[in-house]
């Protein structure tokens, strides 16, 4: 179900770039992928993050300089699970990582938003925190019940309930995101309902 907030009515009709955000396990990636079925181009901040920290990139070199070679695999790739363990309970380390990676992501996002064919759905967990909401025409937050999010997160390799709860707690709340959004998708877990929401959002962009 989509809830359109008062700020939505202040938008112009030309919505070329829609930003989708939400907490871990909310279903934002599923929604964004569904929208591609209706002719929308999907740009994913997490994919770009992996690209700018791939072997041979300045991004990976800066991460290694900051955190050491222990965050590399035997083949020289970034060991994301190892790095995640380092920054998991260390807000200072997490901030240092963000200071390295976010400018690189921002540069790529700006470039691709200018060159990719529209309409575009830009998916980013930190859309609002990074200031990337200024790059989009409309912000949509995807929210889901806490127990549903926990179940989704715990199927990931190496994930425990305690770690899942901590991951949720270190992120901004749904309320915080919703206060800065134009619409909210209440994702109950029904894929047919979510597909209808994806279609409605995609059609907003094609009007």
Protein backbone atom coordinates (compact mmCIF):
# COMPACT_ATOMS: atom_id res chain seq x y z
CA UNK A 1 0.00 0.00 0.00
CA UNK A 2 1.25 3.47 -0.91
CA UNK A 3 0.62 6.39 1.39
CA UNK A 4 1.14 9.73 -0.33
CA UNK A 5 2.26 12.37 2.15
CA UNK A 6 1.31 16.08 2.02
CA UNK A 7 4.66 16.98 0.47
CA UNK A 8 3.77 14.83 -2.56
CA UNK A 9 1.15 17.31 -3.66
CA UNK A 10 3.80 20.03 -3.93
CA UNK A 11 5.74 18.08 -6.54
CA UNK A 12 5.70 18.98 -10.19
CA UNK A 13 4.34 16.45 -12.66
CA UNK A 14 7.73 15.69 -14.22
CA UNK A 15 9.16 12.92 -12.04
CA UNK A 16 12.16 11.59 -13.98
CA UNK A 17 14.21 10.31 -11.04
CA UNK A 18 12.58 8.60 -8.05
CA UNK A 19 14.65 7.83 -4.98
CA UNK A 20 13.73 4.73 -3.01
CA UNK A 21 15.06 4.20 0.48
CA UNK A 22 14.30 2.16 3.56
CA UNK A 23 15.93 0.20 6.33
CA UNK A 24 17.60 -3.16 5.95
CA UNK A 25 15.06 -5.88 5.19
CA UNK A 26 12.31 -3.45 4.23
CA UNK A 27 11.99 -4.76 0.67
CA UNK A 28 13.20 -1.66 -1.19
CA UNK A 29 15.39 -3.69 -3.55
CA UNK A 30 12.48 -5.94 -4.49
CA UNK A 31 10.28 -2.92 -5.17
CA UNK A 32 12.95 -1.23 -7.31
CA UNK A 33 13.52 -4.37 -9.37
CA UNK A 34 9.77 -4.76 -9.88
CA UNK A 35 9.60 -1.24 -11.30
CA UNK A 36 11.96 -2.22 -14.12
CA UNK A 37 9.16 -4.36 -15.54
CA UNK A 38 7.38 -1.12 -16.40
CA UNK A 39 10.23 0.50 -18.30
CA UNK A 40 12.05 2.14 -15.38
CA UNK A 41 15.87 2.05 -15.22
CA UNK A 42 17.23 0.81 -11.87
CA UNK A 43 20.31 2.45 -10.36
CA UNK A 44 21.54 0.81 -7.14
CA UNK A 45 23.88 2.57 -4.70
CA UNK A 46 25.11 -0.75 -3.29
CA UNK A 47 26.18 -1.92 -6.74
CA UNK A 48 28.05 1.33 -7.28
CA UNK A 49 29.69 0.93 -3.86
CA UNK A 50 31.04 -2.44 -4.97
CA UNK A 51 32.30 -0.97 -8.23
CA UNK A 52 34.22 1.91 -6.60
CA UNK A 53 35.87 -0.49 -4.14
CA UNK A 54 36.79 -3.18 -6.67
CA UNK A 55 40.42 -4.36 -7.01
CA UNK A 56 42.64 -1.76 -8.63
CA UNK A 57 40.42 1.20 -7.76
CA UNK A 58 41.47 4.24 -5.71
CA UNK A 59 38.53 3.46 -3.42
CA UNK A 60 39.91 0.08 -2.39
CA UNK A 61 43.39 1.55 -1.97
CA UNK A 62 42.03 4.17 0.45
CA UNK A 63 40.06 1.58 2.40
CA UNK A 64 43.13 -0.63 2.76
CA UNK A 65 45.22 2.36 3.86
CA UNK A 66 42.67 3.11 6.57
CA UNK A 67 41.82 -0.41 7.78
CA UNK A 68 44.79 -2.53 6.76
CA UNK A 69 45.27 -5.55 4.50
CA UNK A 70 43.24 -7.82 6.80
CA UNK A 71 40.10 -6.63 5.02
CA UNK A 72 41.29 -8.22 1.75
CA UNK A 73 40.61 -11.74 0.55
CA UNK A 74 43.40 -13.97 -0.71
CA UNK A 75 42.57 -12.88 -4.26
CA UNK A 76 42.79 -9.17 -3.40
CA UNK A 77 39.07 -8.42 -3.29
CA UNK A 78 37.47 -6.45 -0.49
CA UNK A 79 36.26 -8.85 2.21
CA UNK A 80 32.98 -7.11 2.92
CA UNK A 81 32.04 -9.39 5.77
CA UNK A 82 35.38 -8.77 7.49
CA UNK A 83 35.09 -5.01 6.98
CA UNK A 84 31.51 -5.15 8.19
CA UNK A 85 32.63 -6.85 11.39
CA UNK A 86 35.15 -4.06 11.98
CA UNK A 87 32.67 -1.20 11.57
CA UNK A 88 29.69 -3.08 13.04
CA UNK A 89 30.01 -1.80 16.62
CA UNK A 90 32.46 1.03 16.00
CA UNK A 91 30.72 4.23 14.96
CA UNK A 92 34.06 6.01 14.46
CA UNK A 93 35.27 3.33 12.06
CA UNK A 94 31.92 3.38 10.30
CA UNK A 95 32.15 7.14 9.84
CA UNK A 96 35.71 6.87 8.46
CA UNK A 97 34.54 4.29 5.94
CA UNK A 98 31.64 6.51 4.89
CA UNK A 99 33.98 9.47 4.45
CA UNK A 100 36.03 7.38 2.01
CA UNK A 101 33.30 5.69 0.03
CA UNK A 102 30.46 8.21 -0.12
CA UNK A 103 32.23 10.87 -2.24
CA UNK A 104 33.15 8.16 -4.74
CA UNK A 105 29.57 6.88 -4.86
CA UNK A 106 28.20 10.41 -5.20
CA UNK A 107 30.44 11.14 -8.18
CA UNK A 108 29.27 8.00 -9.98
CA UNK A 109 25.61 8.52 -9.10
CA UNK A 110 25.58 12.08 -10.43
CA UNK A 111 27.24 10.95 -13.65
CA UNK A 112 24.85 8.07 -14.25
CA UNK A 113 21.71 9.99 -13.39
CA UNK A 114 22.67 12.38 -16.19
CA UNK A 115 23.41 9.71 -18.78
CA UNK A 116 21.05 6.80 -18.08
CA UNK A 117 17.76 6.71 -19.98
CA UNK A 118 14.82 7.83 -17.90
CA UNK A 119 12.73 7.33 -15.97
CA UNK A 120 15.13 6.17 -13.26
CA UNK A 121 14.56 4.63 -9.84
CA UNK A 122 17.60 5.24 -7.64
CA UNK A 123 17.77 2.83 -4.71
CA UNK A 124 19.90 3.82 -1.72
CA UNK A 125 19.73 2.88 1.95
CA UNK A 126 21.42 6.18 2.87
CA UNK A 127 19.57 8.29 0.32
CA UNK A 128 18.57 10.87 2.92
CA UNK A 129 21.58 10.62 5.22
CA UNK A 130 24.00 11.17 2.31
CA UNK A 131 22.07 14.11 0.91
CA UNK A 132 21.27 12.22 -2.28
CA UNK A 133 17.62 13.16 -1.93
CA UNK A 134 18.71 16.42 -3.60
CA UNK A 135 19.51 14.39 -6.73
CA UNK A 136 15.99 12.98 -7.16
CA UNK A 137 12.57 14.42 -7.92
CA UNK A 138 10.64 12.29 -5.43
CA UNK A 139 11.57 10.30 -2.31
CA UNK A 140 9.78 7.06 -1.44
CA UNK A 141 10.40 5.20 1.82
CA UNK A 142 9.69 1.49 2.02
CA UNK A 143 8.72 0.29 5.49
CA UNK A 144 7.88 -3.13 6.89
CA UNK A 145 6.96 -4.60 10.29
CA UNK A 146 9.96 -5.23 12.54
CA UNK A 147 9.36 -8.99 12.79
CA UNK A 148 9.16 -9.25 9.00
CA UNK A 149 12.44 -7.38 8.58
CA UNK A 150 14.14 -9.62 11.15
CA UNK A 151 13.07 -12.77 9.31
CA UNK A 152 14.33 -11.42 5.99
CA UNK A 153 17.68 -10.35 7.41
CA UNK A 154 18.34 -13.60 9.27
CA UNK A 155 18.36 -15.69 6.08
CA UNK A 156 21.58 -13.94 5.06
CA UNK A 157 24.81 -15.95 5.50
CA UNK A 158 26.36 -15.58 8.95
CA UNK A 159 23.47 -13.52 10.29
CA UNK A 160 22.13 -14.02 13.82
CA UNK A 161 19.04 -12.51 15.40
CA UNK A 162 21.20 -10.38 17.69
CA UNK A 163 23.23 -9.01 14.80
CA UNK A 164 20.08 -8.40 12.76
CA UNK A 165 18.54 -6.41 15.59
CA UNK A 166 21.73 -4.37 15.94
CA UNK A 167 21.82 -3.64 12.20
CA UNK A 168 18.28 -2.29 12.41
CA UNK A 169 19.03 -0.25 15.53
CA UNK A 170 22.05 1.58 14.06
CA UNK A 171 20.00 2.84 11.11
CA UNK A 172 17.58 5.74 11.13
CA UNK A 173 14.00 4.89 12.05
CA UNK A 174 11.16 4.54 9.56
CA UNK A 175 9.55 7.57 11.14
CA UNK A 176 12.66 9.66 10.51
CA UNK A 177 12.68 8.62 6.85
CA UNK A 178 8.96 9.11 6.38
CA UNK A 179 9.15 12.67 7.69
CA UNK A 180 11.54 13.42 4.82
CA UNK A 181 9.68 11.54 2.08
CA UNK A 182 6.91 12.24 -0.39
CA UNK A 183 5.37 8.77 -0.16
CA UNK A 184 5.62 5.60 1.92
CA UNK A 185 5.17 2.03 0.72
CA UNK A 186 3.86 -0.20 3.52
CA UNK A 187 5.38 -3.56 2.58
CA UNK A 188 3.50 -6.30 4.39
CA UNK A 189 5.29 -9.06 2.51
CA UNK A 190 2.58 -9.76 -0.07
CA UNK A 191 4.43 -9.74 -3.42
CA UNK A 192 1.26 -9.17 -5.44
CA UNK A 193 0.50 -6.04 -3.43
CA UNK A 194 4.09 -4.87 -3.82
CA UNK A 195 3.90 -5.40 -7.57
CA UNK A 196 0.80 -3.19 -7.70
CA UNK A 197 2.72 -0.53 -5.77
CA UNK A 198 5.64 -0.83 -8.22
CA UNK A 199 3.29 -0.39 -11.15
CA UNK A 200 1.61 2.65 -9.61
CA UNK A 201 4.95 4.32 -8.87
CA UNK A 202 6.26 3.57 -12.36
CA UNK A 203 3.14 5.04 -13.93
CA UNK A 204 3.63 8.21 -11.89
CA UNK A 205 6.93 8.64 -13.68
CA UNK A 206 5.51 8.06 -17.12
CA UNK A 207 2.69 10.59 -16.88
